[in-house]
C-alpha atoms as a PDB file:
ATOM      1  CA  MET A   1       0.000   0.000   0.000  1.00  0.00           C
ATOM      2  CA  LYS A   2       2.812   2.420   0.867  1.00  0.00           C
ATOM      3  CA  THR A   3       4.491   1.625  -2.449  1.00  0.00           C
ATOM      4  CA  THR A   4       1.294   2.433  -4.366  1.00  0.00           C
ATOM      5  CA  ILE A   5       0.864   5.766  -2.589  1.00  0.00           C
ATOM      6  CA  ALA A   6       4.517   6.700  -3.153  1.00  0.00           C
ATOM      7  CA  PHE A   7       4.245   5.756  -6.840  1.00  0.00           C
ATOM      8  CA  LEU A   8       1.081   7.856  -7.307  1.00  0.00           C
ATOM      9  CA  GLY A   9       2.787  10.768  -5.549  1.00  0.00           C
ATOM     10  CA  MET A  10       5.721  10.574  -7.972  1.00  0.00           C
ATOM     11  CA  ILE A  11       3.379  10.551 -10.969  1.00  0.00           C
ATOM     12  CA  LEU A  12       1.443  13.576  -9.704  1.00  0.00           C
ATOM     13  CA  THR A  13       4.649  15.467  -8.932  1.00  0.00           C
ATOM     14  CA  SER A  14       6.068  14.722 -12.391  1.00  0.00           C
ATOM     15  CA  THR A  15       2.875  15.897 -14.053  1.00  0.00           C
ATOM     16  CA  VAL A  16       2.952  19.190 -12.164  1.00  0.00           C
ATOM     17  CA  LEU A  17       6.624  19.822 -12.972  1.00  0.00           C
ATOM     18  CA  PHE A  18       6.110  19.407 -16.719  1.00  0.00           C
ATOM     19  CA  ALA A  19       2.751  21.188 -16.984  1.00  0.00           C
ATOM     20  CA  GLN A  20       2.762  24.227 -19.252  1.00  0.00           C
ATOM     21  CA  SER A  21       0.551  27.226 -19.079  1.00  0.00           C
ATOM     22  CA  THR A  22      -0.256  29.458 -22.023  1.00  0.00           C
ATOM     23  CA  GLN A  23       0.925  33.042 -21.694  1.00  0.00           C
ATOM     24  CA  THR A  24       0.192  36.076 -23.851  1.00  0.00           C
ATOM     25  CA  LEU A  25       1.960  39.237 -24.940  1.00  0.00           C
ATOM     26  CA  THR A  26       1.562  41.903 -27.592  1.00  0.00           C
ATOM     27  CA  ALA A  27       4.545  42.585 -29.843  1.00  0.00           C
ATOM     28  CA  GLN A  28       5.560  43.644 -33.340  1.00  0.00           C
ATOM     29  CA  PHE A  29       6.807  40.973 -35.758  1.00  0.00           C
ATOM     30  CA  GLN A  30      10.422  41.633 -36.781  1.00  0.00           C
ATOM     31  CA  GLY A  31      10.964  38.672 -39.101  1.00  0.00           C
ATOM     32  CA  TYR A  32      12.097  35.068 -39.386  1.00  0.00           C
ATOM     33  CA  ASP A  33      15.776  34.176 -39.704  1.00  0.00           C
ATOM     34  CA  GLY A  34      15.341  30.520 -40.651  1.00  0.00           C
ATOM     35  CA  GLU A  35      15.450  29.360 -37.026  1.00  0.00           C
ATOM     36  CA  VAL A  36      13.443  31.761 -34.861  1.00  0.00           C
ATOM     37  CA  TYR A  37      10.418  34.027 -35.234  1.00  0.00           C
ATOM     38  CA  MET A  38      11.472  37.416 -33.850  1.00  0.00           C
ATOM     39  CA  PHE A  39       9.134  39.896 -32.147  1.00  0.00           C
ATOM     40  CA  ALA A  40       9.775  43.158 -30.278  1.00  0.00           C
ATOM     41  CA  ASP A  41       7.857  45.352 -27.871  1.00  0.00           C
ATOM     42  CA  GLY A  42       9.738  48.580 -27.236  1.00  0.00           C
ATOM     43  CA  GLU A  43      13.126  47.530 -25.882  1.00  0.00           C
ATOM     44  CA  ASP A  44      12.039  43.924 -25.176  1.00  0.00           C
ATOM     45  CA  PHE A  45      12.823  41.242 -27.765  1.00  0.00           C
ATOM     46  CA  TYR A  46      11.244  37.787 -27.997  1.00  0.00           C
ATOM     47  CA  ASP A  47      12.528  34.801 -29.988  1.00  0.00           C
ATOM     48  CA  PHE A  48      10.106  31.961 -30.641  1.00  0.00           C
ATOM     49  CA  HIS A  49      11.601  28.648 -31.731  1.00  0.00           C
ATOM     50  CA  SER A  50       8.480  27.046 -33.159  1.00  0.00           C
ATOM     51  CA  CYS A  51       5.016  27.942 -34.323  1.00  0.00           C
ATOM     52  CA  ALA A  52       1.830  25.865 -34.444  1.00  0.00           C
ATOM     53  CA  LYS A  53       0.962  24.706 -37.964  1.00  0.00           C
ATOM     54  CA  THR A  54      -2.491  26.264 -37.640  1.00  0.00           C
ATOM     55  CA  VAL A  55      -0.830  29.657 -37.140  1.00  0.00           C
ATOM     56  CA  LEU A  56       1.441  29.244 -40.156  1.00  0.00           C
ATOM     57  CA  THR A  57      -1.494  28.375 -42.421  1.00  0.00           C
ATOM     58  CA  THR A  58      -3.046  31.755 -41.538  1.00  0.00           C
ATOM     59  CA  TYR A  59       0.142  33.853 -41.256  1.00  0.00           C
ATOM     60  CA  ASP A  60       3.154  32.955 -43.398  1.00  0.00           C
ATOM     61  CA  LEU A  61       5.761  34.266 -40.977  1.00  0.00           C
ATOM     62  CA  THR A  62       8.573  33.018 -43.209  1.00  0.00           C
ATOM     63  CA  SER A  63       7.745  35.759 -45.744  1.00  0.00           C
ATOM     64  CA  GLU A  64       8.138  39.524 -45.383  1.00  0.00           C
ATOM     65  CA  GLU A  65       4.366  40.086 -45.582  1.00  0.00           C
ATOM     66  CA  PHE A  66       3.768  40.431 -41.827  1.00  0.00           C
ATOM     67  CA  VAL A  67       6.964  42.268 -40.819  1.00  0.00           C
ATOM     68  CA  ASP A  68       6.089  45.259 -38.586  1.00  0.00           C
ATOM     69  CA  GLU A  69       2.572  43.879 -37.962  1.00  0.00           C
ATOM     70  CA  VAL A  70       1.492  43.942 -34.282  1.00  0.00           C
ATOM     71  CA  PHE A  71       0.165  40.663 -32.891  1.00  0.00           C
ATOM     72  CA  LYS A  72      -1.327  39.342 -29.691  1.00  0.00           C
ATOM     73  CA  ILE A  73       0.749  36.181 -29.169  1.00  0.00           C
ATOM     74  CA  SER A  74      -0.366  33.169 -27.128  1.00  0.00           C
ATOM     75  CA  TYR A  75       2.623  30.968 -26.361  1.00  0.00           C
ATOM     76  CA  THR A  76       4.070  28.275 -24.140  1.00  0.00           C
ATOM     77  CA  ILE A  77       7.577  27.866 -22.774  1.00  0.00           C
ATOM     78  CA  LYS A  78       9.162  24.427 -22.490  1.00  0.00           C
ATOM     79  CA  THR A  79      12.165  24.029 -20.201  1.00  0.00           C
ATOM     80  CA  ASP A  80      14.440  21.034 -20.738  1.00  0.00           C
ATOM     81  CA  GLU A  81      16.444  19.198 -18.093  1.00  0.00           C
ATOM     82  CA  ASP A  82      19.376  21.613 -18.631  1.00  0.00           C
ATOM     83  CA  GLY A  83      17.165  24.624 -17.931  1.00  0.00           C
ATOM     84  CA  ASP A  84      17.129  25.803 -21.572  1.00  0.00           C
ATOM     85  CA  GLU A  85      13.840  27.399 -22.612  1.00  0.00           C
ATOM     86  CA  THR A  86      12.026  26.933 -25.927  1.00  0.00           C
ATOM     87  CA  TRP A  87       9.285  29.461 -26.667  1.00  0.00           C
ATOM     88  CA  ASN A  88       6.462  28.125 -28.867  1.00  0.00           C
ATOM     89  CA  ILE A  89       3.728  30.202 -30.561  1.00  0.00           C
ATOM     90  CA  GLN A  90       0.307  28.611 -30.144  1.00  0.00           C
ATOM     91  CA  LYS A  91      -1.951  31.374 -31.498  1.00  0.00           C
ATOM     92  CA  LEU A  92      -1.632  34.781 -33.185  1.00  0.00           C
ATOM     93  CA  GLU A  93      -4.138  37.603 -33.592  1.00  0.00           C
ATOM     94  CA  VAL A  94      -3.452  40.784 -35.553  1.00  0.00           C
ATOM     95  CA  ILE A  95      -3.907  43.899 -33.423  1.00  0.00           C
ATOM     96  CA  GLU A  96      -5.375  46.786 -35.386  1.00  0.00           C
ATOM     97  CA  ILE A  97      -3.572  50.028 -34.546  1.00  0.00           C
ATOM     98  CA  MET A  98      -5.696  53.075 -35.220  1.00  0.00           C
ATOM     99  CA  ASP A  99      -4.027  56.155 -36.644  1.00  0.00           C
ATOM    100  CA  GLU A 100      -4.683  59.439 -34.880  1.00  0.00           C
ATOM    101  CA  ASP A 101      -6.579  60.551 -37.996  1.00  0.00           C
ATOM    102  CA  GLU A 102      -9.042  57.647 -37.568  1.00  0.00           C
ATOM    103  CA  GLU A 103     -10.041  58.573 -34.005  1.00  0.00           C
END
């Protein structure tokens, strides 16, 4: 019985340690360099290592078409056993910026 409880505790602990939560930010697309999708928000820069296929069917981030476009980005961060982080885009939404003339 003690072995079963200890085993279940290890499984629950492992699940919690590897759980990912989705985070969001708003940033301007800077481009794709063949390895990472680059975004910036003021002086903060964000490099995403992968992008969901559903996102890439809507937004071809490998082209120049969406450079300088502002997006709301939903993403996850995976951390490997060495502590290295991989940022992954899960969803993108274009943010419409209104010009002062349009207000």
